Amino acid sequence: MLWTLAVILLILWALGFLAFHVGGGLIHLLLVIALIVIVYRLVTGRRPVV
């Protein structure tokens, strides 16, 4: 679930950065959250339950 959230946040950030460059604060906040989730996921090394 965290991995999916990180991917969604990265996609939203990329779209926002390309389309709405004026409101940069929220867009970069999304990027920071996505990076934190990815790093957390890599550090913990937990696999999703299927």
N, C-alpha and C. Protein backbone atom coordinates (compact mmCIF):
# COMPACT_ATOMS: atom_id res chain seq x y z
N MET A 1 0.82 -1.19 0.00
CA MET A 1 0.00 0.00 0.00
C MET A 1 0.87 1.26 0.00
N LEU A 2 1.94 1.26 0.78
CA LEU A 2 2.83 2.41 0.81
C LEU A 2 3.51 2.63 -0.54
N TRP A 3 3.86 1.54 -1.19
CA TRP A 3 4.50 1.64 -2.50
C TRP A 3 3.55 2.28 -3.51
N THR A 4 2.29 1.86 -3.48
CA THR A 4 1.28 2.44 -4.37
C THR A 4 1.09 3.92 -4.09
N LEU A 5 1.05 4.27 -2.82
CA LEU A 5 0.91 5.67 -2.44
C LEU A 5 2.09 6.50 -2.94
N ALA A 6 3.28 5.96 -2.82
CA ALA A 6 4.47 6.67 -3.28
C ALA A 6 4.44 6.89 -4.78
N VAL A 7 4.03 5.88 -5.52
CA VAL A 7 3.94 6.01 -6.98
C VAL A 7 2.90 7.05 -7.36
N ILE A 8 1.75 7.02 -6.71
CA ILE A 8 0.69 8.00 -6.99
C ILE A 8 1.17 9.41 -6.69
N LEU A 9 1.85 9.59 -5.56
CA LEU A 9 2.36 10.91 -5.21
C LEU A 9 3.41 11.40 -6.21
N LEU A 10 4.26 10.49 -6.68
CA LEU A 10 5.25 10.89 -7.67
C LEU A 10 4.61 11.29 -8.99
N ILE A 11 3.59 10.56 -9.40
CA ILE A 11 2.88 10.90 -10.63
C ILE A 11 2.18 12.24 -10.49
N LEU A 12 1.51 12.46 -9.36
CA LEU A 12 0.86 13.75 -9.13
C LEU A 12 1.87 14.89 -9.10
N TRP A 13 3.02 14.64 -8.50
CA TRP A 13 4.05 15.67 -8.47
C TRP A 13 4.54 16.00 -9.87
N ALA A 14 4.80 14.97 -10.67
CA ALA A 14 5.29 15.20 -12.03
C ALA A 14 4.25 15.95 -12.86
N LEU A 15 3.00 15.55 -12.76
CA LEU A 15 1.94 16.26 -13.49
C LEU A 15 1.81 17.70 -13.02
N GLY A 16 1.84 17.89 -11.73
CA GLY A 16 1.73 19.23 -11.18
C GLY A 16 2.92 20.10 -11.55
N PHE A 17 4.10 19.51 -11.56
CA PHE A 17 5.30 20.27 -11.90
C PHE A 17 5.27 20.72 -13.35
N LEU A 18 4.80 19.83 -14.22
CA LEU A 18 4.76 20.16 -15.65
C LEU A 18 3.60 21.10 -15.99
N ALA A 19 2.45 20.88 -15.39
CA ALA A 19 1.26 21.62 -15.78
C ALA A 19 1.04 22.89 -14.95
N PHE A 20 1.30 22.84 -13.66
CA PHE A 20 0.98 23.96 -12.77
C PHE A 20 2.22 24.40 -12.01
N HIS A 21 3.20 24.89 -12.71
CA HIS A 21 4.48 25.25 -12.10
C HIS A 21 4.34 26.44 -11.15
N VAL A 22 3.25 27.16 -11.23
CA VAL A 22 3.08 28.36 -10.40
C VAL A 22 2.93 28.01 -8.93
N GLY A 23 2.13 27.00 -8.58
CA GLY A 23 1.90 26.63 -7.19
C GLY A 23 2.89 25.61 -6.70
N GLY A 24 4.16 25.95 -6.68
CA GLY A 24 5.23 25.00 -6.43
C GLY A 24 5.30 24.42 -5.03
N GLY A 25 4.75 25.10 -4.02
CA GLY A 25 4.88 24.62 -2.64
C GLY A 25 4.23 23.27 -2.41
N LEU A 26 3.00 23.11 -2.83
CA LEU A 26 2.28 21.85 -2.64
C LEU A 26 2.90 20.73 -3.47
N ILE A 27 3.33 21.05 -4.64
CA ILE A 27 3.90 20.05 -5.54
C ILE A 27 5.18 19.47 -4.93
N HIS A 28 6.04 20.33 -4.41
CA HIS A 28 7.27 19.84 -3.83
C HIS A 28 7.02 19.12 -2.51
N LEU A 29 5.97 19.49 -1.82
CA LEU A 29 5.59 18.75 -0.62
C LEU A 29 5.20 17.32 -0.98
N LEU A 30 4.47 17.14 -2.07
CA LEU A 30 4.12 15.80 -2.54
C LEU A 30 5.37 14.99 -2.88
N LEU A 31 6.34 15.63 -3.50
CA LEU A 31 7.59 14.94 -3.82
C LEU A 31 8.31 14.48 -2.56
N VAL A 32 8.39 15.34 -1.57
CA VAL A 32 9.07 14.99 -0.33
C VAL A 32 8.37 13.83 0.37
N ILE A 33 7.03 13.86 0.40
CA ILE A 33 6.28 12.76 1.02
C ILE A 33 6.53 11.46 0.27
N ALA A 34 6.50 11.51 -1.06
CA ALA A 34 6.75 10.31 -1.86
C ALA A 34 8.14 9.76 -1.61
N LEU A 35 9.14 10.61 -1.53
CA LEU A 35 10.50 10.15 -1.28
C LEU A 35 10.63 9.54 0.12
N ILE A 36 9.97 10.13 1.11
CA ILE A 36 10.01 9.57 2.46
C ILE A 36 9.39 8.18 2.48
N VAL A 37 8.27 8.02 1.78
CA VAL A 37 7.61 6.71 1.74
C VAL A 37 8.50 5.68 1.05
N ILE A 38 9.15 6.06 -0.05
CA ILE A 38 10.02 5.14 -0.77
C ILE A 38 11.21 4.73 0.10
N VAL A 39 11.84 5.70 0.76
CA VAL A 39 12.98 5.39 1.63
C VAL A 39 12.55 4.51 2.78
N TYR A 40 11.42 4.80 3.39
CA TYR A 40 10.90 3.97 4.48
C TYR A 40 10.68 2.53 4.01
N ARG A 41 10.11 2.41 2.80
CA ARG A 41 9.83 1.09 2.24
C ARG A 41 11.13 0.32 1.98
N LEU A 42 12.14 1.00 1.49
CA LEU A 42 13.43 0.34 1.22
C LEU A 42 14.14 -0.03 2.51
N VAL A 43 14.09 0.83 3.52
CA VAL A 43 14.78 0.55 4.78
C VAL A 43 14.13 -0.61 5.53
N THR A 44 12.79 -0.61 5.60
CA THR A 44 12.14 -1.68 6.34
C THR A 44 12.20 -3.00 5.61
N GLY A 45 12.17 -2.97 4.29
CA GLY A 45 12.30 -4.19 3.51
C GLY A 45 11.13 -5.14 3.61
N ARG A 46 10.00 -4.65 4.09
CA ARG A 46 8.82 -5.52 4.22
C ARG A 46 8.17 -5.73 2.87
N ARG A 47 7.66 -6.91 2.68
CA ARG A 47 6.95 -7.26 1.45
C ARG A 47 5.45 -7.21 1.70
N PRO A 48 4.67 -6.79 0.71
CA PRO A 48 3.21 -6.77 0.89
C PRO A 48 2.64 -8.18 0.98
N VAL A 49 1.62 -8.34 1.76
CA VAL A 49 0.96 -9.64 1.91
C VAL A 49 0.01 -9.83 0.74
N VAL A 50 0.18 -10.94 0.04
CA VAL A 50 -0.65 -11.19 -1.15
C VAL A 50 -1.72 -12.19 -0.81
